[in-house]
Amino acid sequence: MGKLYVAAPEGQTWPIDLDDAEASIRRRWPNARFERPSSAVTGGSYLSFDVVVGGMPRYGTYVSRSHLTLSQGSPQDWAETIVWFLQLLPPGTPALAMAEDNPELEPVPSGASVQDVIDLYERLEQQA
């Protein structure tokens, strides 16, 4: 159960900043806990959040306009969240998937279903 990443392609950004991301996550999980630590690498702030998914504590981070990282869960645990997050983006906005143990980036199909996302991340994890 490594980290799952979904990111804007290199050189592109998403229209979701930290405030937008926090507000959206708060609507989805009213009991979520948030922090805004500074990155040791970039010095910029990012959003860190703790939520309960499938009855278990899970963790995520969001870097403004860039990428979402989801931890402590399998593709089955996080697929619905990934589909939900991608629906916050304008239609047709590109997104790339990556699993912690596999640095290969794969496009997330536009309009991907929960099962599409599970299949994509499972394939990435199996190729590791």
N, C-alpha and C. Protein backbone atom coordinates (compact mmCIF):
# COMPACT_ATOMS: atom_id res chain seq x y z
N MET A 1 0.85 -1.18 0.00
CA MET A 1 0.00 0.00 0.00
C MET A 1 0.89 1.24 0.00
N GLY A 2 1.52 1.49 -1.14
CA GLY A 2 2.37 2.67 -1.27
C GLY A 2 1.55 3.89 -1.64
N LYS A 3 2.26 4.88 -2.04
CA LYS A 3 1.61 6.14 -2.42
C LYS A 3 1.11 6.06 -3.85
N LEU A 4 -0.01 6.72 -4.08
CA LEU A 4 -0.55 6.89 -5.43
C LEU A 4 -0.51 8.37 -5.75
N TYR A 5 -0.10 8.69 -6.96
CA TYR A 5 0.02 10.08 -7.39
C TYR A 5 -0.88 10.32 -8.59
N VAL A 6 -1.44 11.50 -8.65
CA VAL A 6 -2.13 11.98 -9.85
C VAL A 6 -1.65 13.41 -10.02
N ALA A 7 -1.18 13.72 -11.24
CA ALA A 7 -0.48 14.99 -11.44
C ALA A 7 -0.81 15.62 -12.78
N ALA A 8 -0.64 16.93 -12.81
CA ALA A 8 -0.72 17.66 -14.08
C ALA A 8 0.53 17.30 -14.89
N PRO A 9 0.41 17.21 -16.21
CA PRO A 9 1.60 16.94 -17.02
C PRO A 9 2.64 18.05 -16.85
N GLU A 10 3.90 17.69 -17.03
CA GLU A 10 4.99 18.65 -16.91
C GLU A 10 4.72 19.87 -17.79
N GLY A 11 4.93 21.03 -17.22
CA GLY A 11 4.72 22.28 -17.95
C GLY A 11 3.29 22.77 -17.95
N GLN A 12 2.37 22.01 -17.34
CA GLN A 12 0.97 22.41 -17.27
C GLN A 12 0.57 22.54 -15.79
N THR A 13 -0.49 23.29 -15.56
CA THR A 13 -1.00 23.44 -14.20
C THR A 13 -2.49 23.18 -14.18
N TRP A 14 -3.00 22.91 -12.99
CA TRP A 14 -4.43 22.76 -12.77
C TRP A 14 -4.96 24.05 -12.15
N PRO A 15 -6.26 24.33 -12.30
CA PRO A 15 -6.82 25.57 -11.75
C PRO A 15 -7.23 25.46 -10.27
N ILE A 16 -6.68 24.49 -9.54
CA ILE A 16 -7.06 24.29 -8.14
C ILE A 16 -5.88 24.69 -7.25
N ASP A 17 -6.07 25.75 -6.46
CA ASP A 17 -5.02 26.17 -5.53
C ASP A 17 -5.27 25.50 -4.17
N LEU A 18 -4.46 25.82 -3.18
CA LEU A 18 -4.58 25.18 -1.87
C LEU A 18 -5.92 25.47 -1.20
N ASP A 19 -6.40 26.71 -1.30
CA ASP A 19 -7.68 27.07 -0.69
C ASP A 19 -8.82 26.29 -1.34
N ASP A 20 -8.82 26.21 -2.68
CA ASP A 20 -9.86 25.45 -3.38
C ASP A 20 -9.82 23.98 -2.99
N ALA A 21 -8.61 23.42 -2.94
CA ALA A 21 -8.47 22.00 -2.59
C ALA A 21 -8.97 21.74 -1.18
N GLU A 22 -8.58 22.60 -0.24
CA GLU A 22 -9.02 22.40 1.14
C GLU A 22 -10.53 22.50 1.25
N ALA A 23 -11.13 23.48 0.61
CA ALA A 23 -12.59 23.63 0.67
C ALA A 23 -13.30 22.41 0.08
N SER A 24 -12.79 21.89 -1.03
CA SER A 24 -13.40 20.71 -1.66
C SER A 24 -13.26 19.47 -0.79
N ILE A 25 -12.08 19.28 -0.23
CA ILE A 25 -11.85 18.13 0.64
C ILE A 25 -12.70 18.24 1.90
N ARG A 26 -12.82 19.45 2.42
CA ARG A 26 -13.64 19.67 3.63
C ARG A 26 -15.12 19.35 3.35
N ARG A 27 -15.60 19.66 2.15
CA ARG A 27 -16.99 19.32 1.80
C ARG A 27 -17.15 17.79 1.70
N ARG A 28 -16.15 17.12 1.16
CA ARG A 28 -16.22 15.67 1.01
C ARG A 28 -16.06 14.97 2.37
N TRP A 29 -15.14 15.44 3.18
CA TRP A 29 -14.85 14.86 4.49
C TRP A 29 -14.88 15.97 5.54
N PRO A 30 -16.05 16.26 6.10
CA PRO A 30 -16.15 17.36 7.07
C PRO A 30 -15.23 17.21 8.28
N ASN A 31 -14.84 16.00 8.62
CA ASN A 31 -13.98 15.78 9.79
C ASN A 31 -12.50 15.70 9.44
N ALA A 32 -12.14 16.04 8.22
CA ALA A 32 -10.73 15.99 7.81
C ALA A 32 -9.91 16.96 8.65
N ARG A 33 -8.64 16.57 8.86
CA ARG A 33 -7.70 17.46 9.55
C ARG A 33 -6.70 17.95 8.52
N PHE A 34 -6.35 19.24 8.61
CA PHE A 34 -5.48 19.86 7.62
C PHE A 34 -4.28 20.53 8.27
N GLU A 35 -3.20 20.55 7.51
CA GLU A 35 -2.02 21.33 7.84
C GLU A 35 -1.50 21.91 6.54
N ARG A 36 -0.69 22.97 6.67
CA ARG A 36 -0.04 23.56 5.51
C ARG A 36 1.45 23.72 5.80
N PRO A 37 2.16 22.60 5.79
CA PRO A 37 3.60 22.66 6.04
C PRO A 37 4.34 23.24 4.84
N SER A 38 5.59 23.57 5.05
CA SER A 38 6.46 24.04 3.97
C SER A 38 7.31 22.89 3.47
N SER A 39 7.48 22.84 2.16
CA SER A 39 8.31 21.81 1.55
C SER A 39 9.78 22.10 1.81
N ALA A 40 10.51 21.08 2.24
CA ALA A 40 11.95 21.23 2.45
C ALA A 40 12.68 21.43 1.12
N VAL A 41 12.06 20.98 0.03
CA VAL A 41 12.69 21.07 -1.29
C VAL A 41 12.45 22.42 -1.93
N THR A 42 11.17 22.85 -1.97
CA THR A 42 10.83 24.08 -2.68
C THR A 42 10.65 25.29 -1.78
N GLY A 43 10.38 25.04 -0.49
CA GLY A 43 10.11 26.13 0.43
C GLY A 43 8.67 26.60 0.37
N GLY A 44 7.90 26.13 -0.62
CA GLY A 44 6.50 26.50 -0.75
C GLY A 44 5.61 25.65 0.14
N SER A 45 4.45 26.16 0.45
CA SER A 45 3.47 25.43 1.26
C SER A 45 2.73 24.41 0.40
N TYR A 46 2.28 23.37 1.06
CA TYR A 46 1.40 22.39 0.43
C TYR A 46 0.33 22.02 1.45
N LEU A 47 -0.71 21.37 0.98
CA LEU A 47 -1.82 20.98 1.84
C LEU A 47 -1.62 19.52 2.24
N SER A 48 -1.64 19.26 3.53
CA SER A 48 -1.58 17.91 4.06
C SER A 48 -2.91 17.64 4.75
N PHE A 49 -3.48 16.46 4.52
CA PHE A 49 -4.78 16.18 5.14
C PHE A 49 -4.86 14.72 5.58
N ASP A 50 -5.64 14.51 6.64
CA ASP A 50 -5.93 13.19 7.19
C ASP A 50 -7.43 12.98 7.07
N VAL A 51 -7.82 11.83 6.52
CA VAL A 51 -9.24 11.51 6.36
C VAL A 51 -9.44 10.04 6.71
N VAL A 52 -10.69 9.64 6.84
CA VAL A 52 -11.03 8.24 7.04
C VAL A 52 -11.68 7.75 5.74
N VAL A 53 -11.08 6.72 5.16
CA VAL A 53 -11.59 6.10 3.93
C VAL A 53 -11.70 4.61 4.21
N GLY A 54 -12.86 4.04 3.97
CA GLY A 54 -13.04 2.62 4.22
C GLY A 54 -12.84 2.25 5.67
N GLY A 55 -13.16 3.17 6.58
CA GLY A 55 -13.04 2.91 8.00
C GLY A 55 -11.62 3.01 8.55
N MET A 56 -10.66 3.36 7.71
CA MET A 56 -9.26 3.44 8.13
C MET A 56 -8.71 4.84 7.91
N PRO A 57 -7.78 5.27 8.77
CA PRO A 57 -7.15 6.58 8.55
C PRO A 57 -6.28 6.54 7.30
N ARG A 58 -6.41 7.56 6.49
CA ARG A 58 -5.64 7.69 5.25
C ARG A 58 -5.08 9.11 5.22
N TYR A 59 -4.06 9.29 4.39
CA TYR A 59 -3.36 10.57 4.36
C TYR A 59 -3.18 11.01 2.91
N GLY A 60 -3.15 12.31 2.74
CA GLY A 60 -2.91 12.85 1.41
C GLY A 60 -2.23 14.19 1.49
N THR A 61 -1.67 14.58 0.36
CA THR A 61 -1.11 15.92 0.21
C THR A 61 -1.52 16.46 -1.15
N TYR A 62 -1.58 17.76 -1.22
CA TYR A 62 -1.87 18.42 -2.49
C TYR A 62 -0.92 19.60 -2.63
N VAL A 63 -0.24 19.64 -3.75
CA VAL A 63 0.62 20.77 -4.09
C VAL A 63 -0.17 21.63 -5.06
N SER A 64 -0.30 22.91 -4.74
CA SER A 64 -1.13 23.83 -5.51
C SER A 64 -0.90 23.72 -7.01
N ARG A 65 -1.99 23.49 -7.73
CA ARG A 65 -2.02 23.48 -9.19
C ARG A 65 -1.14 22.39 -9.82
N SER A 66 -0.72 21.40 -9.02
CA SER A 66 0.29 20.47 -9.50
C SER A 66 -0.06 19.00 -9.35
N HIS A 67 -0.18 18.51 -8.10
CA HIS A 67 -0.41 17.07 -7.94
C HIS A 67 -1.01 16.72 -6.57
N LEU A 68 -1.66 15.57 -6.59
CA LEU A 68 -2.30 15.00 -5.42
C LEU A 68 -1.58 13.69 -5.11
N THR A 69 -1.22 13.48 -3.84
CA THR A 69 -0.59 12.25 -3.39
C THR A 69 -1.49 11.63 -2.33
N LEU A 70 -1.77 10.34 -2.47
CA LEU A 70 -2.64 9.64 -1.54
C LEU A 70 -1.88 8.46 -0.95
N SER A 71 -1.90 8.34 0.39
CA SER A 71 -1.09 7.35 1.09
C SER A 71 -1.93 6.45 1.97
N GLN A 72 -1.33 5.33 2.36
CA GLN A 72 -1.92 4.39 3.31
C GLN A 72 -3.19 3.74 2.78
N GLY A 73 -3.22 3.47 1.50
CA GLY A 73 -4.37 2.80 0.93
C GLY A 73 -4.03 2.19 -0.42
N SER A 74 -4.85 1.29 -0.84
CA SER A 74 -4.68 0.61 -2.12
C SER A 74 -5.41 1.38 -3.22
N PRO A 75 -5.20 0.98 -4.47
CA PRO A 75 -5.99 1.60 -5.54
C PRO A 75 -7.51 1.45 -5.30
N GLN A 76 -7.92 0.32 -4.72
CA GLN A 76 -9.35 0.15 -4.43
C GLN A 76 -9.83 1.15 -3.38
N ASP A 77 -8.96 1.45 -2.40
CA ASP A 77 -9.32 2.41 -1.35
C ASP A 77 -9.47 3.82 -1.90
N TRP A 78 -8.59 4.20 -2.83
CA TRP A 78 -8.49 5.59 -3.27
C TRP A 78 -9.14 5.89 -4.62
N ALA A 79 -9.56 4.88 -5.37
CA ALA A 79 -10.06 5.12 -6.73
C ALA A 79 -11.23 6.09 -6.77
N GLU A 80 -12.18 5.93 -5.88
CA GLU A 80 -13.34 6.83 -5.87
C GLU A 80 -12.91 8.28 -5.61
N THR A 81 -11.94 8.45 -4.74
CA THR A 81 -11.43 9.79 -4.44
C THR A 81 -10.72 10.38 -5.66
N ILE A 82 -9.95 9.58 -6.36
CA ILE A 82 -9.25 10.08 -7.55
C ILE A 82 -10.26 10.51 -8.61
N VAL A 83 -11.28 9.70 -8.85
CA VAL A 83 -12.33 10.08 -9.82
C VAL A 83 -13.01 11.36 -9.36
N TRP A 84 -13.35 11.46 -8.08
CA TRP A 84 -13.98 12.68 -7.55
C TRP A 84 -13.07 13.89 -7.77
N PHE A 85 -11.80 13.76 -7.44
CA PHE A 85 -10.88 14.89 -7.59
C PHE A 85 -10.78 15.32 -9.06
N LEU A 86 -10.65 14.37 -9.95
CA LEU A 86 -10.52 14.71 -11.38
C LEU A 86 -11.78 15.40 -11.90
N GLN A 87 -12.92 15.12 -11.30
CA GLN A 87 -14.16 15.79 -11.70
C GLN A 87 -14.20 17.24 -11.24
N LEU A 88 -13.31 17.63 -10.32
CA LEU A 88 -13.20 19.03 -9.92
C LEU A 88 -12.51 19.87 -10.99
N LEU A 89 -11.74 19.20 -11.85
CA LEU A 89 -11.01 19.88 -12.93
C LEU A 89 -11.93 20.12 -14.11
N PRO A 90 -11.63 21.13 -14.93
CA PRO A 90 -12.44 21.33 -16.13
C PRO A 90 -12.40 20.09 -17.02
N PRO A 91 -13.50 19.80 -17.72
CA PRO A 91 -13.51 18.63 -18.62
C PRO A 91 -12.33 18.66 -19.59
N GLY A 92 -11.74 17.51 -19.78
CA GLY A 92 -10.63 17.39 -20.71
C GLY A 92 -9.28 17.77 -20.14
N THR A 93 -9.22 18.19 -18.88
CA THR A 93 -7.94 18.54 -18.26
C THR A 93 -7.09 17.28 -18.14
N PRO A 94 -5.87 17.30 -18.67
CA PRO A 94 -5.05 16.10 -18.59
C PRO A 94 -4.53 15.83 -17.18
N ALA A 95 -4.39 14.53 -16.88
CA ALA A 95 -3.85 14.09 -15.60
C ALA A 95 -3.03 12.83 -15.84
N LEU A 96 -1.97 12.69 -15.07
CA LEU A 96 -1.09 11.53 -15.16
C LEU A 96 -1.12 10.76 -13.85
N ALA A 97 -1.03 9.45 -13.95
CA ALA A 97 -1.01 8.57 -12.78
C ALA A 97 0.38 8.00 -12.61
N MET A 98 0.76 7.80 -11.33
CA MET A 98 2.02 7.15 -11.02
C MET A 98 1.87 6.44 -9.68
N ALA A 99 2.47 5.29 -9.54
CA ALA A 99 2.50 4.56 -8.27
C ALA A 99 3.90 4.72 -7.66
N GLU A 100 3.98 4.66 -6.35
CA GLU A 100 5.24 4.93 -5.64
C GLU A 100 6.40 4.06 -6.15
N ASP A 101 6.15 2.79 -6.38
CA ASP A 101 7.22 1.88 -6.76
C ASP A 101 7.46 1.81 -8.27
N ASN A 102 6.75 2.63 -9.04
CA ASN A 102 6.90 2.62 -10.49
C ASN A 102 6.90 4.07 -10.98
N PRO A 103 8.04 4.58 -11.40
CA PRO A 103 8.11 5.98 -11.81
C PRO A 103 7.51 6.29 -13.18
N GLU A 104 6.95 5.28 -13.84
CA GLU A 104 6.32 5.51 -15.14
C GLU A 104 5.03 6.31 -14.95
N LEU A 105 4.87 7.33 -15.77
CA LEU A 105 3.65 8.14 -15.75
C LEU A 105 2.73 7.64 -16.87
N GLU A 106 1.47 7.46 -16.53
CA GLU A 106 0.48 7.04 -17.53
C GLU A 106 -0.68 8.02 -17.50
N PRO A 107 -1.20 8.37 -18.65
CA PRO A 107 -2.36 9.26 -18.67
C PRO A 107 -3.58 8.59 -18.03
N VAL A 108 -4.32 9.37 -17.28
CA VAL A 108 -5.61 8.91 -16.77
C VAL A 108 -6.62 9.23 -17.86
N PRO A 109 -7.35 8.22 -18.34
CA PRO A 109 -8.31 8.49 -19.41
C PRO A 109 -9.35 9.53 -18.99
N SER A 110 -9.69 10.41 -19.89
CA SER A 110 -10.72 11.41 -19.62
C SER A 110 -12.02 10.68 -19.30
N GLY A 111 -12.69 11.10 -18.24
CA GLY A 111 -13.94 10.47 -17.85
C GLY A 111 -13.76 9.09 -17.25
N ALA A 112 -12.58 8.79 -16.71
CA ALA A 112 -12.30 7.46 -16.15
C ALA A 112 -13.29 7.11 -15.05
N SER A 113 -13.70 5.85 -15.04
CA SER A 113 -14.57 5.33 -13.99
C SER A 113 -13.71 4.87 -12.81
N VAL A 114 -14.36 4.53 -11.72
CA VAL A 114 -13.65 4.00 -10.56
C VAL A 114 -12.88 2.74 -10.97
N GLN A 115 -13.52 1.86 -11.73
CA GLN A 115 -12.85 0.62 -12.15
C GLN A 115 -11.68 0.92 -13.08
N ASP A 116 -11.82 1.91 -13.95
CA ASP A 116 -10.70 2.31 -14.83
C ASP A 116 -9.50 2.73 -13.99
N VAL A 117 -9.74 3.50 -12.95
CA VAL A 117 -8.67 3.99 -12.08
C VAL A 117 -8.03 2.84 -11.31
N ILE A 118 -8.84 1.94 -10.79
CA ILE A 118 -8.29 0.76 -10.10
C ILE A 118 -7.39 -0.02 -11.04
N ASP A 119 -7.89 -0.29 -12.25
CA ASP A 119 -7.11 -1.06 -13.22
C ASP A 119 -5.80 -0.37 -13.57
N LEU A 120 -5.84 0.95 -13.75
CA LEU A 120 -4.66 1.71 -14.11
C LEU A 120 -3.58 1.62 -13.02
N TYR A 121 -3.96 1.88 -11.78
CA TYR A 121 -2.97 1.85 -10.68
C TYR A 121 -2.51 0.43 -10.37
N GLU A 122 -3.39 -0.55 -10.49
CA GLU A 122 -2.96 -1.94 -10.29
C GLU A 122 -1.95 -2.34 -11.34
N ARG A 123 -2.17 -1.93 -12.58
CA ARG A 123 -1.21 -2.22 -13.65
C ARG A 123 0.14 -1.53 -13.36
N LEU A 124 0.10 -0.29 -12.92
CA LEU A 124 1.33 0.40 -12.58
C LEU A 124 2.07 -0.31 -11.45
N GLU A 125 1.33 -0.74 -10.42
CA GLU A 125 1.97 -1.44 -9.30
C GLU A 125 2.53 -2.79 -9.72
N GLN A 126 1.87 -3.49 -10.62
CA GLN A 126 2.36 -4.79 -11.08
C GLN A 126 3.60 -4.66 -11.95
N GLN A 127 3.75 -3.54 -12.63
CA GLN A 127 4.90 -3.32 -13.50
C GLN A 127 6.14 -2.87 -12.72
N ALA A 128 5.96 -2.61 -11.44
CA ALA A 128 7.08 -2.12 -10.61
C ALA A 128 8.16 -3.18 -10.44
